[in-house]
N, C-alpha and C. Protein backbone atom coordinates (compact mmCIF):
# COMPACT_ATOMS: atom_id res chain seq x y z
N MET A 1 -24.80 68.93 -248.39
CA MET A 1 -24.24 68.68 -247.08
C MET A 1 -24.44 69.93 -246.22
N ILE A 2 -24.86 69.71 -245.01
CA ILE A 2 -25.04 70.79 -244.03
C ILE A 2 -24.05 70.56 -242.90
N ILE A 3 -23.32 71.61 -242.55
CA ILE A 3 -22.44 71.58 -241.38
C ILE A 3 -23.13 72.44 -240.33
N ARG A 4 -23.30 71.88 -239.14
CA ARG A 4 -24.01 72.61 -238.10
C ARG A 4 -23.45 72.24 -236.73
N PRO A 5 -23.67 73.13 -235.74
CA PRO A 5 -23.31 72.76 -234.37
C PRO A 5 -24.14 71.55 -233.95
N ALA A 6 -23.53 70.66 -233.22
CA ALA A 6 -24.25 69.49 -232.75
C ALA A 6 -25.26 69.89 -231.68
N GLN A 7 -26.30 69.08 -231.58
CA GLN A 7 -27.35 69.28 -230.59
C GLN A 7 -27.42 68.05 -229.69
N LEU A 8 -28.10 68.19 -228.59
CA LEU A 8 -28.24 67.07 -227.66
C LEU A 8 -28.85 65.85 -228.35
N SER A 9 -29.70 66.07 -229.32
CA SER A 9 -30.31 64.94 -230.05
C SER A 9 -29.27 64.16 -230.87
N ASP A 10 -28.10 64.73 -231.10
CA ASP A 10 -27.02 64.05 -231.82
C ASP A 10 -26.19 63.15 -230.91
N LEU A 11 -26.49 63.15 -229.62
CA LEU A 11 -25.70 62.39 -228.65
C LEU A 11 -25.45 60.94 -229.06
N PRO A 12 -26.48 60.17 -229.44
CA PRO A 12 -26.21 58.75 -229.76
C PRO A 12 -25.24 58.56 -230.92
N VAL A 13 -25.36 59.36 -231.97
CA VAL A 13 -24.48 59.18 -233.13
C VAL A 13 -23.06 59.65 -232.80
N ILE A 14 -22.91 60.69 -232.02
CA ILE A 14 -21.57 61.15 -231.64
C ILE A 14 -20.89 60.11 -230.76
N VAL A 15 -21.63 59.54 -229.83
CA VAL A 15 -21.07 58.48 -228.99
C VAL A 15 -20.61 57.31 -229.86
N GLU A 16 -21.45 56.90 -230.80
CA GLU A 16 -21.08 55.77 -231.66
C GLU A 16 -19.88 56.11 -232.54
N PHE A 17 -19.84 57.32 -233.10
CA PHE A 17 -18.70 57.71 -233.92
C PHE A 17 -17.42 57.74 -233.09
N ASN A 18 -17.49 58.25 -231.87
CA ASN A 18 -16.30 58.27 -231.02
C ASN A 18 -15.86 56.85 -230.66
N ARG A 19 -16.82 55.98 -230.42
CA ARG A 19 -16.50 54.58 -230.13
C ARG A 19 -15.78 53.95 -231.31
N GLN A 20 -16.29 54.18 -232.51
CA GLN A 20 -15.66 53.64 -233.72
C GLN A 20 -14.28 54.26 -233.95
N LEU A 21 -14.15 55.55 -233.70
CA LEU A 21 -12.87 56.23 -233.85
C LEU A 21 -11.80 55.59 -232.97
N ALA A 22 -12.12 55.34 -231.73
CA ALA A 22 -11.15 54.73 -230.81
C ALA A 22 -10.77 53.32 -231.26
N LEU A 23 -11.75 52.57 -231.74
CA LEU A 23 -11.45 51.21 -232.23
C LEU A 23 -10.56 51.26 -233.47
N GLU A 24 -10.90 52.12 -234.42
CA GLU A 24 -10.17 52.18 -235.69
C GLU A 24 -8.75 52.70 -235.53
N THR A 25 -8.57 53.72 -234.73
CA THR A 25 -7.27 54.38 -234.69
C THR A 25 -6.34 53.86 -233.61
N GLU A 26 -6.91 53.35 -232.50
CA GLU A 26 -6.05 52.95 -231.40
C GLU A 26 -6.38 51.56 -230.84
N SER A 27 -7.33 50.87 -231.46
CA SER A 27 -7.77 49.55 -231.00
C SER A 27 -8.20 49.58 -229.54
N ILE A 28 -8.88 50.65 -229.18
CA ILE A 28 -9.36 50.83 -227.81
C ILE A 28 -10.88 50.66 -227.80
N THR A 29 -11.37 49.91 -226.83
CA THR A 29 -12.81 49.78 -226.61
C THR A 29 -13.19 50.71 -225.47
N LEU A 30 -13.92 51.75 -225.80
CA LEU A 30 -14.31 52.73 -224.79
C LEU A 30 -15.54 52.28 -224.02
N SER A 31 -15.63 52.70 -222.78
CA SER A 31 -16.83 52.49 -221.98
C SER A 31 -17.93 53.38 -222.55
N VAL A 32 -19.01 52.78 -223.02
CA VAL A 32 -20.10 53.57 -223.60
C VAL A 32 -20.71 54.48 -222.55
N GLU A 33 -20.80 54.02 -221.32
CA GLU A 33 -21.37 54.84 -220.25
C GLU A 33 -20.52 56.09 -220.00
N LEU A 34 -19.22 55.90 -219.86
CA LEU A 34 -18.32 57.02 -219.62
C LEU A 34 -18.27 57.96 -220.83
N LEU A 35 -18.22 57.39 -222.02
CA LEU A 35 -18.21 58.17 -223.25
C LEU A 35 -19.49 59.00 -223.38
N THR A 36 -20.62 58.39 -223.10
CA THR A 36 -21.89 59.10 -223.18
C THR A 36 -21.91 60.28 -222.22
N GLN A 37 -21.42 60.06 -221.01
CA GLN A 37 -21.36 61.16 -220.04
C GLN A 37 -20.45 62.28 -220.53
N GLY A 38 -19.32 61.91 -221.13
CA GLY A 38 -18.38 62.93 -221.62
C GLY A 38 -18.93 63.73 -222.78
N VAL A 39 -19.55 63.06 -223.74
CA VAL A 39 -20.12 63.76 -224.89
C VAL A 39 -21.27 64.65 -224.43
N GLN A 40 -22.11 64.11 -223.55
CA GLN A 40 -23.25 64.89 -223.06
C GLN A 40 -22.77 66.14 -222.32
N ALA A 41 -21.72 66.01 -221.52
CA ALA A 41 -21.18 67.17 -220.81
C ALA A 41 -20.76 68.26 -221.78
N ALA A 42 -20.13 67.87 -222.88
CA ALA A 42 -19.70 68.86 -223.89
C ALA A 42 -20.91 69.49 -224.59
N LEU A 43 -21.89 68.67 -224.91
CA LEU A 43 -23.07 69.19 -225.60
C LEU A 43 -23.86 70.16 -224.73
N LEU A 44 -23.77 69.97 -223.43
CA LEU A 44 -24.51 70.84 -222.51
C LEU A 44 -23.71 72.06 -222.07
N ASP A 45 -22.39 72.06 -222.31
CA ASP A 45 -21.54 73.16 -221.86
C ASP A 45 -20.48 73.47 -222.91
N SER A 46 -20.73 74.47 -223.72
CA SER A 46 -19.81 74.78 -224.81
C SER A 46 -18.46 75.30 -224.32
N GLN A 47 -18.34 75.61 -223.03
CA GLN A 47 -17.03 75.98 -222.50
C GLN A 47 -16.10 74.78 -222.40
N LYS A 48 -16.67 73.58 -222.30
CA LYS A 48 -15.87 72.37 -222.28
C LYS A 48 -15.38 72.04 -223.69
N ALA A 49 -16.30 72.04 -224.64
CA ALA A 49 -15.98 71.69 -226.03
C ALA A 49 -17.21 71.99 -226.88
N ARG A 50 -16.97 72.03 -228.19
CA ARG A 50 -18.07 72.20 -229.14
C ARG A 50 -17.93 71.16 -230.23
N TYR A 51 -19.02 70.48 -230.51
CA TYR A 51 -19.07 69.52 -231.62
C TYR A 51 -19.75 70.18 -232.81
N PHE A 52 -19.25 69.84 -233.99
CA PHE A 52 -19.91 70.18 -235.25
C PHE A 52 -20.16 68.87 -235.97
N VAL A 53 -21.28 68.79 -236.67
CA VAL A 53 -21.59 67.58 -237.43
C VAL A 53 -21.86 67.94 -238.88
N ALA A 54 -21.57 66.96 -239.73
CA ALA A 54 -21.90 67.06 -241.16
C ALA A 54 -23.10 66.17 -241.39
N GLU A 55 -24.08 66.72 -242.07
CA GLU A 55 -25.34 66.01 -242.26
C GLU A 55 -25.67 65.97 -243.75
N ILE A 56 -26.04 64.81 -244.23
CA ILE A 56 -26.48 64.64 -245.61
C ILE A 56 -27.86 64.01 -245.57
N GLU A 57 -28.82 64.70 -246.17
CA GLU A 57 -30.21 64.22 -246.21
C GLU A 57 -30.70 63.79 -244.84
N GLY A 58 -30.39 64.62 -243.84
CA GLY A 58 -30.88 64.39 -242.48
C GLY A 58 -30.11 63.36 -241.68
N VAL A 59 -29.03 62.81 -242.24
CA VAL A 59 -28.24 61.78 -241.55
C VAL A 59 -26.86 62.36 -241.24
N VAL A 60 -26.45 62.25 -239.98
CA VAL A 60 -25.11 62.71 -239.59
C VAL A 60 -24.09 61.72 -240.12
N VAL A 61 -23.13 62.23 -240.90
CA VAL A 61 -22.11 61.37 -241.53
C VAL A 61 -20.69 61.69 -241.07
N GLY A 62 -20.53 62.77 -240.30
CA GLY A 62 -19.20 63.13 -239.83
C GLY A 62 -19.29 64.10 -238.68
N GLN A 63 -18.17 64.23 -237.98
CA GLN A 63 -18.13 65.12 -236.82
C GLN A 63 -16.72 65.62 -236.57
N LEU A 64 -16.65 66.69 -235.82
CA LEU A 64 -15.40 67.10 -235.17
C LEU A 64 -15.77 67.88 -233.93
N MET A 65 -14.86 67.88 -233.00
CA MET A 65 -15.04 68.62 -231.76
C MET A 65 -13.86 69.57 -231.64
N HIS A 66 -14.09 70.72 -231.02
CA HIS A 66 -12.94 71.58 -230.73
C HIS A 66 -12.99 72.03 -229.28
N THR A 67 -11.79 72.15 -228.74
CA THR A 67 -11.60 72.70 -227.40
C THR A 67 -10.68 73.90 -227.53
N ARG A 68 -10.49 74.61 -226.43
CA ARG A 68 -9.68 75.82 -226.46
C ARG A 68 -8.44 75.68 -225.59
N GLU A 69 -7.36 76.24 -226.07
CA GLU A 69 -6.13 76.35 -225.28
C GLU A 69 -5.68 77.81 -225.34
N TRP A 70 -5.47 78.39 -224.19
CA TRP A 70 -4.99 79.77 -224.15
C TRP A 70 -3.49 79.80 -224.44
N SER A 71 -3.08 80.68 -225.34
CA SER A 71 -1.67 80.86 -225.65
C SER A 71 -1.24 82.22 -225.14
N ASP A 72 -0.44 82.23 -224.08
CA ASP A 72 0.07 83.50 -223.58
C ASP A 72 1.07 84.10 -224.57
N TRP A 73 1.79 83.24 -225.30
CA TRP A 73 2.75 83.74 -226.28
C TRP A 73 2.07 84.51 -227.41
N ARG A 74 0.84 84.13 -227.71
CA ARG A 74 0.13 84.74 -228.83
C ARG A 74 -1.04 85.63 -228.39
N ASN A 75 -1.30 85.62 -227.08
CA ASN A 75 -2.42 86.38 -226.51
C ASN A 75 -3.73 86.03 -227.22
N GLY A 76 -3.99 84.75 -227.32
CA GLY A 76 -5.23 84.32 -227.96
C GLY A 76 -5.45 82.83 -227.79
N ASP A 77 -6.61 82.38 -228.24
CA ASP A 77 -6.99 80.98 -228.16
C ASP A 77 -6.48 80.19 -229.36
N ILE A 78 -6.05 78.98 -229.10
CA ILE A 78 -5.80 78.00 -230.15
C ILE A 78 -6.92 76.98 -230.02
N TRP A 79 -7.59 76.73 -231.11
CA TRP A 79 -8.66 75.73 -231.10
C TRP A 79 -8.06 74.38 -231.48
N TRP A 80 -8.21 73.41 -230.60
CA TRP A 80 -7.75 72.05 -230.84
C TRP A 80 -8.89 71.25 -231.45
N LEU A 81 -8.63 70.60 -232.56
CA LEU A 81 -9.60 69.71 -233.18
C LEU A 81 -9.44 68.32 -232.59
N GLN A 82 -10.53 67.72 -232.20
CA GLN A 82 -10.52 66.40 -231.61
C GLN A 82 -11.74 65.63 -232.09
N SER A 83 -11.76 64.35 -231.81
CA SER A 83 -12.91 63.50 -232.13
C SER A 83 -13.35 63.67 -233.58
N VAL A 84 -12.37 63.72 -234.47
CA VAL A 84 -12.65 63.85 -235.90
C VAL A 84 -13.02 62.47 -236.45
N TYR A 85 -14.20 62.37 -237.04
CA TYR A 85 -14.64 61.08 -237.57
C TYR A 85 -15.60 61.30 -238.73
N VAL A 86 -15.39 60.52 -239.78
CA VAL A 86 -16.31 60.48 -240.92
C VAL A 86 -16.70 59.03 -241.11
N HIS A 87 -17.98 58.79 -241.22
CA HIS A 87 -18.48 57.42 -241.42
C HIS A 87 -17.80 56.83 -242.66
N PRO A 88 -17.38 55.56 -242.60
CA PRO A 88 -16.65 54.95 -243.73
C PRO A 88 -17.36 55.08 -245.08
N ASP A 89 -18.68 55.07 -245.10
CA ASP A 89 -19.41 55.19 -246.37
C ASP A 89 -19.31 56.57 -246.99
N HIS A 90 -18.78 57.53 -246.23
CA HIS A 90 -18.73 58.91 -246.73
C HIS A 90 -17.33 59.49 -246.75
N ARG A 91 -16.33 58.64 -246.60
CA ARG A 91 -14.95 59.12 -246.64
C ARG A 91 -14.53 59.41 -248.08
N GLN A 92 -13.55 60.29 -248.20
CA GLN A 92 -13.03 60.70 -249.52
C GLN A 92 -14.10 61.41 -250.36
N GLN A 93 -15.05 62.04 -249.69
CA GLN A 93 -16.12 62.76 -250.38
C GLN A 93 -16.21 64.22 -249.94
N GLY A 94 -15.19 64.70 -249.23
CA GLY A 94 -15.16 66.10 -248.84
C GLY A 94 -15.85 66.43 -247.53
N VAL A 95 -16.26 65.42 -246.77
CA VAL A 95 -16.96 65.68 -245.51
C VAL A 95 -16.04 66.39 -244.52
N PHE A 96 -14.85 65.84 -244.29
CA PHE A 96 -13.94 66.49 -243.35
C PHE A 96 -13.53 67.86 -243.87
N ARG A 97 -13.32 67.97 -245.16
CA ARG A 97 -12.94 69.28 -245.73
C ARG A 97 -14.01 70.33 -245.39
N GLN A 98 -15.27 69.97 -245.54
CA GLN A 98 -16.35 70.92 -245.22
C GLN A 98 -16.37 71.25 -243.74
N LEU A 99 -16.16 70.23 -242.90
CA LEU A 99 -16.13 70.48 -241.46
C LEU A 99 -15.00 71.44 -241.09
N ILE A 100 -13.79 71.16 -241.58
CA ILE A 100 -12.64 71.99 -241.21
C ILE A 100 -12.76 73.39 -241.82
N GLU A 101 -13.29 73.50 -243.02
CA GLU A 101 -13.46 74.83 -243.62
C GLU A 101 -14.47 75.66 -242.84
N THR A 102 -15.54 75.04 -242.38
CA THR A 102 -16.53 75.75 -241.58
C THR A 102 -15.93 76.23 -240.28
N LEU A 103 -15.20 75.35 -239.61
CA LEU A 103 -14.58 75.73 -238.34
C LEU A 103 -13.51 76.79 -238.56
N THR A 104 -12.72 76.67 -239.62
CA THR A 104 -11.68 77.65 -239.91
C THR A 104 -12.29 79.03 -240.16
N THR A 105 -13.36 79.07 -240.92
CA THR A 105 -14.03 80.35 -241.18
C THR A 105 -14.50 80.99 -239.89
N GLU A 106 -15.10 80.19 -239.02
CA GLU A 106 -15.56 80.72 -237.74
C GLU A 106 -14.38 81.19 -236.89
N ALA A 107 -13.33 80.41 -236.86
CA ALA A 107 -12.15 80.75 -236.06
C ALA A 107 -11.50 82.04 -236.56
N GLN A 108 -11.36 82.18 -237.87
CA GLN A 108 -10.71 83.37 -238.43
C GLN A 108 -11.56 84.62 -238.24
N ALA A 109 -12.86 84.46 -238.10
CA ALA A 109 -13.73 85.62 -237.86
C ALA A 109 -13.70 86.07 -236.40
N ASN A 110 -13.13 85.24 -235.54
CA ASN A 110 -13.05 85.54 -234.11
C ASN A 110 -11.65 86.07 -233.81
N THR A 111 -11.54 87.32 -233.45
CA THR A 111 -10.23 87.94 -233.24
C THR A 111 -9.47 87.35 -232.05
N GLN A 112 -10.14 86.60 -231.20
CA GLN A 112 -9.48 85.96 -230.06
C GLN A 112 -8.83 84.62 -230.42
N VAL A 113 -9.12 84.11 -231.61
CA VAL A 113 -8.57 82.82 -232.03
C VAL A 113 -7.36 83.08 -232.91
N VAL A 114 -6.24 82.43 -232.57
CA VAL A 114 -5.00 82.67 -233.29
C VAL A 114 -4.56 81.48 -234.15
N GLY A 115 -5.25 80.35 -234.04
CA GLY A 115 -4.87 79.21 -234.86
C GLY A 115 -5.62 77.94 -234.48
N LEU A 116 -5.36 76.91 -235.27
CA LEU A 116 -5.94 75.59 -235.05
C LEU A 116 -4.82 74.58 -234.84
N ARG A 117 -5.10 73.56 -234.05
CA ARG A 117 -4.17 72.46 -233.84
C ARG A 117 -4.95 71.17 -233.73
N LEU A 118 -4.26 70.09 -234.03
CA LEU A 118 -4.82 68.78 -233.75
C LEU A 118 -3.68 67.81 -233.56
N TYR A 119 -3.98 66.70 -232.96
CA TYR A 119 -2.98 65.65 -232.88
C TYR A 119 -3.50 64.46 -233.65
N VAL A 120 -2.57 63.65 -234.13
CA VAL A 120 -2.94 62.48 -234.91
C VAL A 120 -2.16 61.30 -234.36
N GLU A 121 -2.82 60.18 -234.22
CA GLU A 121 -2.15 58.95 -233.78
C GLU A 121 -0.95 58.71 -234.69
N GLU A 122 0.19 58.39 -234.10
CA GLU A 122 1.44 58.37 -234.86
C GLU A 122 1.46 57.40 -236.04
N HIS A 123 0.63 56.38 -236.04
CA HIS A 123 0.61 55.43 -237.15
C HIS A 123 -0.60 55.62 -238.07
N ASN A 124 -1.32 56.69 -237.88
CA ASN A 124 -2.50 56.95 -238.70
C ASN A 124 -2.08 57.78 -239.92
N ASP A 125 -1.38 57.12 -240.84
CA ASP A 125 -0.82 57.80 -242.00
C ASP A 125 -1.89 58.39 -242.91
N ARG A 126 -3.01 57.71 -243.03
CA ARG A 126 -4.09 58.20 -243.89
C ARG A 126 -4.61 59.55 -243.39
N ALA A 127 -4.86 59.62 -242.08
CA ALA A 127 -5.34 60.89 -241.51
C ALA A 127 -4.27 61.97 -241.64
N ALA A 128 -3.01 61.63 -241.37
CA ALA A 128 -1.94 62.61 -241.47
C ALA A 128 -1.84 63.17 -242.89
N ALA A 129 -2.00 62.32 -243.89
CA ALA A 129 -1.95 62.78 -245.28
C ALA A 129 -3.12 63.73 -245.58
N THR A 130 -4.28 63.41 -245.05
CA THR A 130 -5.44 64.29 -245.23
C THR A 130 -5.17 65.65 -244.60
N TYR A 131 -4.65 65.65 -243.38
CA TYR A 131 -4.38 66.91 -242.69
C TYR A 131 -3.33 67.72 -243.45
N ASP A 132 -2.33 67.06 -243.98
CA ASP A 132 -1.31 67.76 -244.78
C ASP A 132 -1.96 68.45 -245.98
N ARG A 133 -2.82 67.72 -246.69
CA ARG A 133 -3.48 68.29 -247.87
C ARG A 133 -4.32 69.51 -247.52
N LEU A 134 -4.84 69.55 -246.29
CA LEU A 134 -5.71 70.65 -245.88
C LEU A 134 -4.95 71.77 -245.17
N GLY A 135 -3.62 71.70 -245.19
CA GLY A 135 -2.81 72.78 -244.65
C GLY A 135 -2.49 72.68 -243.17
N LEU A 136 -2.78 71.55 -242.55
CA LEU A 136 -2.44 71.34 -241.15
C LEU A 136 -1.12 70.58 -241.10
N SER A 137 -0.04 71.31 -240.90
CA SER A 137 1.29 70.71 -240.97
C SER A 137 1.79 70.29 -239.59
N GLU A 138 2.83 69.45 -239.59
CA GLU A 138 3.44 69.03 -238.33
C GLU A 138 3.96 70.26 -237.60
N ALA A 139 3.70 70.29 -236.29
CA ALA A 139 4.05 71.47 -235.51
C ALA A 139 5.43 71.38 -234.87
N GLY A 140 6.05 70.23 -234.91
CA GLY A 140 7.37 70.09 -234.31
C GLY A 140 7.32 69.79 -232.82
N TYR A 141 6.16 69.42 -232.31
CA TYR A 141 6.02 69.08 -230.90
C TYR A 141 5.72 67.60 -230.77
N VAL A 142 6.13 67.02 -229.66
CA VAL A 142 5.73 65.68 -229.29
C VAL A 142 4.84 65.82 -228.06
N VAL A 143 3.68 65.22 -228.11
CA VAL A 143 2.74 65.32 -227.00
C VAL A 143 3.14 64.32 -225.92
N ARG A 144 3.20 64.79 -224.70
CA ARG A 144 3.45 63.94 -223.54
C ARG A 144 2.22 64.02 -222.66
N GLU A 145 1.97 62.98 -221.88
CA GLU A 145 0.79 63.03 -221.04
C GLU A 145 0.99 62.25 -219.75
N ARG A 146 0.15 62.58 -218.82
CA ARG A 146 0.03 61.83 -217.57
C ARG A 146 -1.46 61.76 -217.29
N ILE A 147 -2.05 60.63 -217.58
CA ILE A 147 -3.49 60.45 -217.47
C ILE A 147 -3.80 59.56 -216.27
N TRP A 148 -4.72 59.97 -215.44
CA TRP A 148 -5.07 59.14 -214.28
C TRP A 148 -6.49 58.60 -214.37
N ARG A 149 -7.25 58.96 -215.39
CA ARG A 149 -8.56 58.33 -215.62
C ARG A 149 -8.51 57.72 -217.01
N THR A 150 -8.73 56.43 -217.09
CA THR A 150 -8.69 55.75 -218.39
C THR A 150 -10.08 55.74 -219.00
N TRP A 151 -10.18 55.17 -220.15
CA TRP A 151 -11.43 55.10 -220.90
C TRP A 151 -12.29 53.93 -220.48
N GLU A 152 -11.81 53.11 -219.59
CA GLU A 152 -12.53 51.88 -219.20
C GLU A 152 -13.60 52.15 -218.18
């Protein structure tokens, strides 16, 4: 398995994985056009986000994206993990573990990064159990939002 930064050529598979992620976890059908624009924007500008992919024998089987949040309390960046997806044929085989370990190693080597965070859909018990096993514990926060652009 190879973990690498995503490239523009990975755009179609990342779009499809994100589409599947939304369907599986939240029963949401995303606009492929809007999703494609969003993924492409991130792939072209690492200040927006960075994707990493897991590849086996030249086939992308998993992904994660991270964004940055400045923490004034900690004087450093917190990297948020998002768009975490492993193709169903490759789940329970260490793909996410390799992705998170690679990102953690990079984050810990960067003195400006003070930690990792992610959110999990409240009824996604399987993902929550995986995150617990990998040392990502509940933070004690409830996420609130006010969104004015939907996925449609």
